[in-house]
Amino acid sequence: MKRSLILTFIFLSIFCHAQSVQYEIQVGAYREMANANSAIDILRGAGFSPYEETFSDLTRVRISGIREGTLQSSLAALAELGFSSPWVIASSTRSIQTGAYREMANAESDFVRLQSAGLNPSYESYNGLNRVVINGISEGDIPSMLQRLYDAGFSDVWIRESTVPMEASNFTIFVNAGAVTEITPTGSTAPLRIVQTIPSFREADSEDNTYQADAPVIFFFSDVIYLGSLEDNIVITADGIPVDGTIVINEGAGGYAILTFTPTEVLPDGAEVAITMRQGLMDGGGNPMSMDLNLSYITEEGSQTIFRRSNFGFENGYDGIIFSGDGAISVARGSLLPFEGSYYAAISTGTNLVSDAGTAIGLRSSQIQLGPIMEDFTSLSFYYDFISAEFNEYVGSRYDDTAMITIYGPLGVHTEVITSVNIVGYDNHAFAGYSGMPDVGKDYAGHTGWQYFFIDNIEIGSPAFIIFTISDVGDDHLSSILAVDDLVLE
């Protein structure tokens, strides 16, 4: 960045706290402009100075220039106005360097002059030089700071990028299977691969890469994971802020790792989530990945209605139910009949397979999110039918379409694999009469029929959420369906 001459015009505002941390508060992100305008009117009426920005297909409403000392009172005022879930963002800041000296005495002279002007300088040591800098200056405060420096006799300064220091993410890790604590050489030098992610967005597939703000992110690996390689190799941020959460590692049909990340707190609507799985991640034989994997998406609001017992059989509408991808509450179709009543919930890895207009996330995955559930429970049972066009040609292959369940709440996360093509193997029955199945070019599709699934020792607290996920693994061509019915919580 080039040196900048001091501005010659005078600003009347007095800069008193340039060195303090500043924040922005995002009060909401809206698809409807009318809702954004309404939020802006409410904020202005309460004395705030909001601004709007367009991001993806959302309009973000934000307030900038919130100083550290007034952050909590600002949040309290917003809560009284009805903005209950604001997102606090550390603002980008600048540093101004007034000089760099080999002699410490010269640096000290600058330091004292700045202190006498009421500023808060600091030292940096760099390549044998002693830099004198003022840190944490917001972009809007730069002109008034330059004027103060000019008045103090500094006519040539250097404006540099800086950011407010942030702590790294904290992960709580639970291992059910699919991971090892020691490297055991196997003779193979094949790199560890991530064969599928949920969500998975590719530019050619998706114009709107949104994903539920409180939903888990899932990674399917080509081998077991060496636990010692997790540290510093998983980076997750929302709008640049590190996100804390829980990592659960399970194993797929081949014993390979399935890693599920669930954020500790629900992320705000309209946040840009960035995830990097670094090359340093290793398999059980010590083989790292060949390159970093980067995933990003924009969060969207979850359910605003409660999932109640009266709808555990999916007979009473969509309250507390959100489908992401291709999913719907369905009636009897071909070989797929409800387990009880007239309806069941279904999701697929295809396009318009179980819904009128849905397309699997990234053409590979779909989810049912149930919740919030406002009562505590320690066990869950349900019935499922797993259908796939990969039966029987791809049984035993790496194309192992998989169904999973994730249950989470304020006290923890529970994740299990329900079934997969390789788990079922050839123990399936011909599936017929369902429009769209089997896929083009396939002569056979199979299904398990209704199967009972039970989970106990659940200790997650409330409000709780249940997410069913189905995903293509290894390809995005041959579709699979997961149907769910008759949930029971105890």
Protein backbone atom coordinates (compact mmCIF):
# COMPACT_ATOMS: atom_id res chain seq x y z
CA MET A 1 0.00 0.00 0.00
CA LYS A 2 1.50 3.36 -0.98
CA ARG A 3 2.25 6.22 1.40
CA SER A 4 -0.52 8.73 1.81
CA LEU A 5 -0.06 12.50 2.29
CA ILE A 6 -1.95 14.19 5.09
CA LEU A 7 -5.30 15.67 4.02
CA THR A 8 -5.35 19.49 4.16
CA PHE A 9 -9.01 20.02 5.06
CA ILE A 10 -10.08 20.11 8.71
CA PHE A 11 -12.68 17.86 10.30
CA LEU A 12 -14.59 19.28 13.25
CA SER A 13 -15.32 15.94 14.91
CA ILE A 14 -12.93 14.99 17.72
CA PHE A 15 -11.49 11.47 17.66
CA CYS A 16 -11.42 10.14 21.21
CA HIS A 17 -11.41 6.35 20.98
CA ALA A 18 -9.82 5.40 17.66
CA GLN A 19 -7.85 2.65 19.30
CA SER A 20 -10.90 0.76 20.67
CA VAL A 21 -12.45 -2.26 18.98
CA GLN A 22 -15.49 -1.54 16.84
CA TYR A 23 -18.29 -3.84 15.75
CA GLU A 24 -21.10 -4.11 13.27
CA ILE A 25 -24.46 -5.63 14.22
CA GLN A 26 -26.50 -7.42 11.58
CA VAL A 27 -30.10 -7.33 12.74
CA GLY A 28 -31.49 -9.41 9.90
CA ALA A 29 -31.22 -10.66 6.32
CA TYR A 30 -34.40 -10.56 4.30
CA ARG A 31 -35.60 -12.01 1.00
CA GLU A 32 -38.48 -9.50 0.86
CA MET A 33 -37.37 -5.89 0.49
CA ALA A 34 -40.50 -4.74 2.33
CA ASN A 35 -39.34 -6.58 5.44
CA ALA A 36 -35.88 -5.00 5.19
CA ASN A 37 -37.43 -1.54 4.85
CA SER A 38 -39.65 -2.18 7.86
CA ALA A 39 -36.61 -3.13 9.98
CA ILE A 40 -34.76 0.00 8.84
CA ASP A 41 -37.74 2.22 9.79
CA ILE A 42 -37.93 0.65 13.27
CA LEU A 43 -34.19 1.12 13.83
CA ARG A 44 -34.18 4.73 12.66
CA GLY A 45 -37.16 5.47 14.89
CA ALA A 46 -35.14 4.20 17.86
CA GLY A 47 -32.16 6.44 17.04
CA PHE A 48 -29.95 3.94 15.21
CA SER A 49 -28.34 4.63 11.84
CA PRO A 50 -28.78 1.39 9.87
CA TYR A 51 -27.65 0.67 6.34
CA GLU A 52 -28.53 -2.07 3.88
CA GLU A 53 -26.42 -4.23 1.58
CA THR A 54 -27.34 -6.83 -1.01
CA PHE A 55 -25.80 -10.27 -0.58
CA SER A 56 -26.84 -13.19 -2.81
CA ASP A 57 -30.63 -12.78 -2.99
CA LEU A 58 -30.84 -11.30 0.52
CA THR A 59 -30.92 -7.74 1.84
CA ARG A 60 -28.82 -7.43 4.98
CA VAL A 61 -29.69 -4.71 7.49
CA ARG A 62 -26.70 -3.66 9.60
CA ILE A 63 -25.57 -1.02 12.08
CA SER A 64 -21.88 -0.05 11.98
CA GLY A 65 -19.51 1.84 14.27
CA ILE A 66 -20.61 0.15 17.52
CA ARG A 67 -17.84 0.64 20.07
CA GLU A 68 -16.91 -2.07 22.54
CA GLY A 69 -18.21 -0.11 25.51
CA THR A 70 -21.69 0.30 24.03
CA LEU A 71 -22.05 -3.15 22.45
CA GLN A 72 -24.10 -4.75 25.24
CA SER A 73 -26.43 -1.76 25.65
CA SER A 74 -26.98 -1.72 21.87
CA LEU A 75 -27.88 -5.42 21.90
CA ALA A 76 -30.29 -4.86 24.80
CA ALA A 77 -31.97 -1.98 22.94
CA LEU A 78 -32.33 -4.15 19.81
CA ALA A 79 -33.91 -6.95 21.87
CA GLU A 80 -36.51 -4.48 23.18
CA LEU A 81 -37.29 -3.56 19.56
CA GLY A 82 -37.93 -7.23 18.73
CA PHE A 83 -34.58 -8.08 17.11
CA SER A 84 -33.81 -11.15 19.20
CA SER A 85 -31.04 -12.79 17.15
CA PRO A 86 -28.55 -10.12 16.01
CA TRP A 87 -25.16 -11.13 14.61
CA VAL A 88 -22.16 -9.27 16.03
CA ILE A 89 -19.26 -8.81 13.62
CA ALA A 90 -15.84 -7.40 14.46
CA SER A 91 -15.26 -4.57 11.99
CA SER A 92 -12.28 -4.48 9.67
CA THR A 93 -9.83 -1.88 10.91
CA ARG A 94 -6.66 -0.09 9.85
CA SER A 95 -3.32 0.65 11.44
CA ILE A 96 -1.42 3.90 10.91
CA GLN A 97 2.37 3.65 11.07
CA THR A 98 4.06 6.94 11.88
CA GLY A 99 7.62 5.68 11.53
CA ALA A 100 10.07 2.75 11.47
CA TYR A 101 13.47 3.26 13.17
CA ARG A 102 16.66 1.29 13.70
CA GLU A 103 17.44 3.39 16.79
CA MET A 104 15.03 2.74 19.64
CA ALA A 105 15.57 6.30 20.92
CA ASN A 106 13.98 7.71 17.75
CA ALA A 107 11.04 5.35 18.07
CA GLU A 108 10.57 6.40 21.69
CA SER A 109 10.52 10.05 20.63
CA ASP A 110 7.64 9.37 18.24
CA PHE A 111 5.88 7.30 20.89
CA VAL A 112 6.01 10.13 23.47
CA ARG A 113 4.77 12.75 20.94
CA LEU A 114 1.78 10.54 20.09
CA GLN A 115 0.95 10.00 23.75
CA SER A 116 1.15 13.76 24.34
CA ALA A 117 -1.45 14.18 21.56
CA GLY A 118 -3.81 11.92 23.49
CA LEU A 119 -3.29 8.88 21.25
CA ASN A 120 -2.49 5.29 22.15
CA PRO A 121 0.54 4.11 20.13
CA SER A 122 2.31 0.74 20.29
CA TYR A 123 5.61 -0.77 19.12
CA GLU A 124 6.15 -3.49 16.52
CA SER A 125 9.49 -5.16 15.88
CA TYR A 126 10.08 -6.01 12.21
CA ASN A 127 13.30 -7.00 10.44
CA GLY A 128 15.56 -5.02 12.78
CA LEU A 129 13.25 -1.98 12.79
CA ASN A 130 11.10 -0.54 15.55
CA ARG A 131 7.77 0.47 14.11
CA VAL A 132 5.49 2.95 15.89
CA VAL A 133 1.83 2.30 15.07
CA ILE A 134 -1.70 3.16 16.12
CA ASN A 135 -3.96 0.12 15.77
CA GLY A 136 -7.69 -0.56 15.55
CA ILE A 137 -8.80 2.48 13.52
CA SER A 138 -12.09 2.09 11.69
CA GLU A 139 -12.19 3.19 8.08
CA GLY A 140 -14.62 6.00 8.84
CA ASP A 141 -12.30 7.44 11.50
CA ILE A 142 -9.21 7.61 9.31
CA PRO A 143 -9.71 11.23 8.09
CA SER A 144 -10.06 12.66 11.61
CA MET A 145 -7.07 10.60 12.79
CA LEU A 146 -4.95 11.93 9.94
CA GLN A 147 -5.88 15.47 10.93
CA ARG A 148 -4.84 14.83 14.55
CA LEU A 149 -1.51 13.39 13.41
CA TYR A 150 -0.93 16.41 11.18
CA ASP A 151 -1.62 18.73 14.14
CA ALA A 152 0.90 16.71 16.17
CA GLY A 153 3.59 17.25 13.52
CA PHE A 154 3.41 13.96 11.56
CA SER A 155 3.25 14.86 7.86
CA ASP A 156 3.97 11.44 6.29
CA VAL A 157 2.33 8.25 7.53
CA TRP A 158 1.60 4.72 6.30
CA ILE A 159 -1.96 3.34 6.39
CA ARG A 160 -2.02 -0.44 6.68
CA GLU A 161 -4.68 -3.15 6.73
CA SER A 162 -5.30 -4.78 10.09
CA THR A 163 -8.06 -6.82 11.68
CA VAL A 164 -9.35 -7.23 15.18
CA PRO A 165 -7.65 -10.30 16.65
CA MET A 166 -10.02 -13.26 17.06
CA GLU A 167 -9.76 -16.52 18.92
CA ALA A 168 -9.72 -19.77 16.96
CA SER A 169 -12.75 -22.05 16.82
CA ASN A 170 -13.26 -24.55 19.62
CA PHE A 171 -14.41 -28.06 18.67
CA THR A 172 -15.75 -30.77 20.97
CA ILE A 173 -14.96 -34.12 19.31
CA PHE A 174 -16.82 -37.41 19.77
CA VAL A 175 -15.63 -40.57 18.04
CA ASN A 176 -18.03 -43.48 17.58
CA ALA A 177 -15.90 -45.20 14.91
CA GLY A 178 -14.05 -44.33 11.72
CA ALA A 179 -10.99 -42.76 13.37
CA VAL A 180 -7.70 -43.97 14.87
CA THR A 181 -5.35 -42.49 17.46
CA GLU A 182 -2.13 -43.88 15.97
CA ILE A 183 -0.76 -44.07 12.43
CA THR A 184 -0.28 -47.61 11.14
CA PRO A 185 1.52 -47.71 7.76
CA THR A 186 -0.34 -49.90 5.26
CA GLY A 187 1.92 -49.61 2.22
CA SER A 188 -0.67 -47.53 0.38
CA THR A 189 0.31 -44.00 -0.62
CA ALA A 190 -3.11 -43.01 -1.95
CA PRO A 191 -4.08 -39.60 -0.53
CA LEU A 192 -7.05 -39.24 1.82
CA ARG A 193 -10.07 -37.93 -0.11
CA ILE A 194 -13.36 -36.29 0.79
CA VAL A 195 -15.74 -38.05 -1.58
CA GLN A 196 -18.90 -36.14 -0.66
CA THR A 197 -20.04 -33.17 1.42
CA ILE A 198 -23.42 -32.00 2.68
CA PRO A 199 -24.13 -29.37 1.59
CA SER A 200 -22.30 -29.60 -1.73
CA PHE A 201 -22.49 -26.64 -4.07
CA ARG A 202 -20.89 -26.44 -7.47
CA GLU A 203 -21.21 -23.26 -9.48
CA ALA A 204 -22.75 -25.05 -12.44
CA ASP A 205 -25.36 -26.72 -10.22
CA SER A 206 -26.70 -24.00 -7.99
CA GLU A 207 -27.73 -20.39 -8.39
CA ASP A 208 -28.70 -20.09 -4.74
CA ASN A 209 -26.26 -21.85 -2.41
CA THR A 210 -28.29 -21.46 0.78
CA TYR A 211 -28.39 -23.97 3.62
CA GLN A 212 -30.22 -24.14 6.95
CA ALA A 213 -28.54 -21.93 9.56
CA ASP A 214 -28.72 -24.60 12.28
CA ALA A 215 -28.18 -27.71 10.14
CA PRO A 216 -25.08 -29.93 10.43
CA VAL A 217 -22.36 -30.12 7.77
CA ILE A 218 -21.31 -33.66 6.83
CA PHE A 219 -18.14 -34.98 5.17
CA PHE A 220 -17.70 -38.49 3.75
CA PHE A 221 -14.06 -39.64 3.64
CA SER A 222 -12.34 -42.34 1.59
CA ASP A 223 -10.68 -43.89 4.67
CA VAL A 224 -10.48 -43.68 8.45
CA ILE A 225 -9.15 -40.40 9.90
CA TYR A 226 -6.04 -40.05 12.05
CA LEU A 227 -7.32 -38.01 15.00
CA GLY A 228 -3.96 -36.34 15.58
CA SER A 229 -4.33 -34.55 12.24
CA LEU A 230 -7.60 -32.75 13.08
CA GLU A 231 -6.01 -29.93 15.06
CA ASP A 232 -5.52 -26.76 12.97
CA ASN A 233 -6.72 -28.50 9.80
CA ILE A 234 -10.43 -27.68 10.10
CA VAL A 235 -11.32 -23.98 9.79
CA ILE A 236 -14.95 -22.82 9.98
CA THR A 237 -16.06 -19.18 9.95
CA ALA A 238 -19.29 -17.22 9.55
CA ASP A 239 -18.76 -13.76 8.05
CA GLY A 240 -15.10 -14.19 8.98
CA ILE A 241 -15.79 -15.03 12.65
CA PRO A 242 -14.65 -18.46 13.90
CA VAL A 243 -17.55 -20.80 14.65
CA ASP A 244 -17.48 -23.18 17.63
CA GLY A 245 -19.18 -26.54 17.41
CA THR A 246 -19.28 -30.29 17.89
CA ILE A 247 -17.58 -32.82 15.63
CA VAL A 248 -18.91 -36.39 15.61
CA ILE A 249 -17.08 -39.10 13.66
CA ASN A 250 -18.95 -42.24 12.57
CA GLU A 251 -18.10 -44.94 10.07
CA GLY A 252 -19.80 -45.85 6.82
CA ALA A 253 -20.34 -49.33 5.43
CA GLY A 254 -16.65 -49.77 4.52
CA GLY A 255 -15.44 -48.54 7.91
CA TYR A 256 -14.54 -45.17 6.43
CA ALA A 257 -15.03 -41.92 8.33
CA ILE A 258 -18.15 -39.77 8.18
CA LEU A 259 -17.53 -36.46 9.97
CA THR A 260 -20.48 -34.33 11.11
CA PHE A 261 -20.04 -30.74 12.31
CA THR A 262 -22.86 -28.98 14.18
CA PRO A 263 -22.47 -25.34 15.32
CA THR A 264 -22.80 -24.71 19.07
CA GLU A 265 -25.19 -21.83 18.45
CA VAL A 266 -27.62 -21.24 15.62
CA LEU A 267 -25.96 -19.03 13.03
CA PRO A 268 -27.76 -15.88 11.84
CA ASP A 269 -29.76 -15.85 8.65
CA GLY A 270 -27.73 -14.49 5.74
CA ALA A 271 -24.26 -15.27 7.12
CA GLU A 272 -21.58 -16.48 4.70
CA VAL A 273 -20.13 -19.70 6.10
CA ALA A 274 -16.69 -20.75 4.86
CA ILE A 275 -15.21 -24.16 5.65
CA THR A 276 -11.68 -25.29 4.85
CA MET A 277 -10.52 -28.87 5.35
CA ARG A 278 -6.77 -28.49 5.03
CA GLN A 279 -4.38 -30.75 3.20
CA GLY A 280 -2.80 -31.83 6.49
CA LEU A 281 -5.75 -34.11 7.35
CA MET A 282 -4.44 -37.71 7.27
CA ASP A 283 -5.85 -41.20 7.01
CA GLY A 284 -4.92 -44.04 9.36
CA GLY A 285 -1.83 -44.80 7.29
CA GLY A 286 -0.49 -41.25 7.54
CA ASN A 287 -1.45 -40.22 3.99
CA PRO A 288 -2.57 -36.56 3.80
CA MET A 289 -5.11 -35.10 1.39
CA SER A 290 -3.68 -33.94 -1.93
CA MET A 291 -5.14 -30.44 -1.58
CA ASP A 292 -7.34 -28.24 0.61
CA LEU A 293 -11.10 -28.58 0.27
CA ASN A 294 -13.11 -25.35 0.47
CA LEU A 295 -16.87 -25.19 0.96
CA SER A 296 -19.07 -22.12 1.35
CA TYR A 297 -22.75 -21.39 1.68
CA ILE A 298 -25.18 -18.73 2.89
CA THR A 299 -27.36 -19.50 5.89
CA GLU A 300 -31.14 -19.32 5.68
CA GLU A 301 -33.69 -19.20 8.46
CA GLY A 302 -34.96 -22.46 9.96
CA SER A 303 -38.46 -23.34 11.07
CA GLN A 304 -40.45 -20.76 13.02
CA THR A 305 -43.08 -23.30 14.15
CA ILE A 306 -42.82 -26.14 16.68
CA PHE A 307 -42.74 -29.80 15.65
CA ARG A 308 -45.39 -31.37 17.89
CA ARG A 309 -46.36 -34.94 18.77
CA SER A 310 -49.60 -34.56 16.83
CA ASN A 311 -47.56 -34.54 13.62
CA PHE A 312 -45.08 -37.34 14.36
CA GLY A 313 -46.82 -39.40 11.67
CA PHE A 314 -46.76 -36.46 9.15
CA GLU A 315 -50.58 -36.40 9.03
CA ASN A 316 -51.11 -32.74 9.97
CA GLY A 317 -49.25 -30.43 7.62
CA TYR A 318 -45.80 -28.84 7.62
CA ASP A 319 -45.53 -27.12 11.03
CA GLY A 320 -42.03 -27.64 12.37
CA ILE A 321 -40.93 -29.39 9.17
CA ILE A 322 -38.48 -28.01 6.61
CA PHE A 323 -37.34 -29.85 3.50
CA SER A 324 -34.03 -28.88 1.91
CA GLY A 325 -33.44 -30.21 -1.59
CA ASP A 326 -35.97 -32.65 -3.03
CA GLY A 327 -38.42 -33.55 -0.28
CA ALA A 328 -42.13 -33.60 0.55
CA ILE A 329 -44.89 -35.13 2.63
CA SER A 330 -46.23 -37.82 0.31
CA VAL A 331 -49.00 -40.33 -0.17
CA ALA A 332 -48.85 -43.91 -1.46
CA ARG A 333 -46.87 -44.19 -4.71
CA GLY A 334 -46.09 -47.50 -6.37
CA SER A 335 -44.30 -49.82 -3.97
CA LEU A 336 -43.99 -47.07 -1.34
CA LEU A 337 -47.03 -47.14 0.95
CA PRO A 338 -47.28 -45.24 4.25
CA PHE A 339 -46.30 -47.30 7.29
CA GLU A 340 -49.33 -45.90 9.13
CA GLY A 341 -52.00 -43.38 8.25
CA SER A 342 -52.13 -41.71 4.86
CA TYR A 343 -48.82 -39.84 4.71
CA TYR A 344 -45.04 -40.20 5.18
CA ALA A 345 -42.07 -37.84 4.68
CA ALA A 346 -39.61 -38.53 1.85
CA ILE A 347 -36.36 -37.07 0.52
CA SER A 348 -34.28 -38.01 -2.52
CA THR A 349 -30.91 -37.41 -4.15
CA GLY A 350 -32.62 -36.44 -7.42
CA THR A 351 -34.70 -33.71 -9.02
CA ASN A 352 -38.50 -33.57 -8.61
CA LEU A 353 -38.45 -37.21 -7.60
CA VAL A 354 -40.52 -36.86 -4.42
CA SER A 355 -41.55 -33.20 -4.77
CA ASP A 356 -43.06 -31.00 -7.46
CA ALA A 357 -40.17 -28.52 -7.72
CA GLY A 358 -37.28 -29.63 -5.49
CA THR A 359 -33.71 -30.36 -6.56
CA ALA A 360 -31.20 -32.12 -4.31
CA ILE A 361 -28.61 -29.80 -2.74
CA GLY A 362 -25.69 -29.73 -5.16
CA LEU A 363 -27.56 -32.46 -7.11
CA ARG A 364 -26.51 -34.94 -4.41
CA SER A 365 -28.23 -34.51 -1.02
CA SER A 366 -31.55 -33.68 0.63
CA GLN A 367 -32.70 -33.25 4.23
CA ILE A 368 -35.76 -33.23 6.46
CA GLN A 369 -35.38 -30.92 9.45
CA LEU A 370 -37.86 -31.48 12.31
CA GLY A 371 -38.03 -28.92 15.09
CA PRO A 372 -37.77 -27.14 17.29
CA ILE A 373 -39.01 -29.87 19.64
CA MET A 374 -39.67 -28.18 22.96
CA GLU A 375 -39.81 -31.28 25.19
CA ASP A 376 -36.92 -33.34 26.56
CA PHE A 377 -36.55 -36.94 25.39
CA THR A 378 -34.01 -39.71 25.82
CA SER A 379 -35.05 -42.12 23.06
CA LEU A 380 -36.33 -41.93 19.49
CA SER A 381 -37.81 -44.59 17.23
CA PHE A 382 -39.15 -44.44 13.69
CA TYR A 383 -39.75 -46.54 10.59
CA TYR A 384 -37.90 -46.00 7.32
CA ASP A 385 -37.87 -47.37 3.80
CA PHE A 386 -34.65 -46.97 1.78
CA ILE A 387 -34.98 -47.09 -2.00
CA SER A 388 -32.14 -46.92 -4.52
CA ALA A 389 -31.52 -47.28 -8.24
CA GLU A 390 -28.01 -48.44 -7.28
CA PHE A 391 -29.38 -51.82 -6.22
CA ASN A 392 -28.03 -54.28 -7.22
CA GLU A 393 -25.42 -53.30 -9.78
CA TYR A 394 -23.38 -51.11 -7.43
CA VAL A 395 -23.58 -53.12 -4.21
CA GLY A 396 -20.07 -53.36 -2.78
CA SER A 397 -18.76 -50.41 -4.81
CA ARG A 398 -17.65 -46.95 -3.70
CA TYR A 399 -21.02 -45.60 -4.88
CA ASP A 400 -22.56 -46.10 -1.46
CA ASP A 401 -25.62 -43.83 -1.19
CA THR A 402 -26.20 -43.27 2.53
CA ALA A 403 -29.03 -42.23 4.89
CA MET A 404 -28.17 -40.61 8.24
CA ILE A 405 -29.86 -39.04 11.25
CA THR A 406 -28.55 -36.16 13.37
CA ILE A 407 -30.22 -35.18 16.64
CA TYR A 408 -28.99 -32.07 18.42
CA GLY A 409 -29.84 -29.60 21.13
CA PRO A 410 -28.16 -27.26 23.62
CA LEU A 411 -26.49 -30.14 25.49
CA GLY A 412 -25.01 -32.10 22.60
CA VAL A 413 -25.21 -33.88 19.27
CA HIS A 414 -26.00 -37.48 18.30
CA THR A 415 -25.31 -38.74 14.76
CA GLU A 416 -25.84 -42.22 13.31
CA VAL A 417 -25.82 -43.86 9.91
CA ILE A 418 -29.27 -45.36 9.32
CA THR A 419 -28.41 -47.45 6.28
CA SER A 420 -26.69 -47.41 2.89
CA VAL A 421 -26.53 -49.36 -0.35
CA ASN A 422 -23.59 -51.42 0.89
CA ILE A 423 -25.15 -52.02 4.34
CA VAL A 424 -28.31 -53.41 2.73
CA GLY A 425 -26.39 -55.28 0.04
CA TYR A 426 -28.52 -57.74 -1.92
CA ASP A 427 -31.09 -58.02 0.89
CA ASN A 428 -33.59 -55.80 -0.93
CA HIS A 429 -36.83 -56.20 -2.86
CA ALA A 430 -37.77 -55.03 -6.33
CA PHE A 431 -39.28 -51.54 -6.31
CA ALA A 432 -41.81 -50.64 -8.99
CA GLY A 433 -44.60 -48.28 -9.94
CA TYR A 434 -42.98 -45.11 -8.65
CA SER A 435 -42.64 -42.44 -11.33
CA GLY A 436 -38.99 -41.49 -11.82
CA MET A 437 -37.57 -44.74 -10.44
CA PRO A 438 -35.49 -46.45 -11.63
CA ASP A 439 -33.26 -43.89 -13.32
CA VAL A 440 -32.82 -43.88 -17.07
CA GLY A 441 -30.71 -46.83 -18.18
CA LYS A 442 -31.46 -48.93 -15.09
CA ASP A 443 -33.57 -52.06 -15.27
CA TYR A 444 -33.86 -52.55 -11.54
CA ALA A 445 -34.41 -50.50 -8.39
CA GLY A 446 -34.68 -52.00 -4.93
CA HIS A 447 -35.92 -51.08 -1.46
CA THR A 448 -35.72 -52.38 2.10
CA GLY A 449 -39.41 -52.13 2.92
CA TRP A 450 -40.36 -50.50 6.22
CA GLN A 451 -37.65 -51.07 8.84
CA TYR A 452 -37.69 -50.17 12.55
CA PHE A 453 -34.89 -47.94 13.92
CA PHE A 454 -34.36 -47.16 17.61
CA ILE A 455 -31.93 -44.78 19.36
CA ASP A 456 -31.62 -44.47 23.14
CA ASN A 457 -29.39 -42.66 25.65
CA ILE A 458 -30.09 -39.34 23.95
CA GLU A 459 -29.10 -36.43 26.19
CA ILE A 460 -29.27 -33.25 24.16
CA GLY A 461 -31.77 -31.06 26.03
CA SER A 462 -34.32 -28.79 24.40
CA PRO A 463 -35.16 -27.14 22.10
CA ALA A 464 -34.04 -30.09 19.98
CA PHE A 465 -33.87 -30.77 16.25
CA ILE A 466 -33.92 -34.00 14.23
CA ILE A 467 -32.43 -34.04 10.75
CA PHE A 468 -32.69 -36.92 8.29
CA THR A 469 -30.18 -36.77 5.44
CA ILE A 470 -29.82 -38.78 2.25
CA SER A 471 -26.83 -38.37 -0.02
CA ASP A 472 -25.29 -39.74 -3.17
CA VAL A 473 -21.77 -40.86 -2.30
CA GLY A 474 -19.17 -41.04 -5.04
CA ASP A 475 -21.46 -39.86 -7.86
CA ASP A 476 -24.54 -37.78 -8.63
CA HIS A 477 -26.26 -39.97 -11.20
CA LEU A 478 -28.33 -42.82 -9.75
CA SER A 479 -30.94 -41.63 -7.26
CA SER A 480 -31.96 -42.93 -3.85
CA ILE A 481 -34.94 -42.14 -1.60
CA LEU A 482 -35.41 -42.19 2.17
CA ALA A 483 -39.00 -42.39 3.48
CA VAL A 484 -39.72 -41.85 7.20
CA ASP A 485 -42.89 -42.45 9.22
CA ASP A 486 -44.32 -42.97 12.71
CA LEU A 487 -41.80 -41.19 14.99
CA VAL A 488 -41.97 -41.89 18.72
CA LEU A 489 -40.13 -39.83 21.37
CA GLU A 490 -39.86 -40.97 24.98
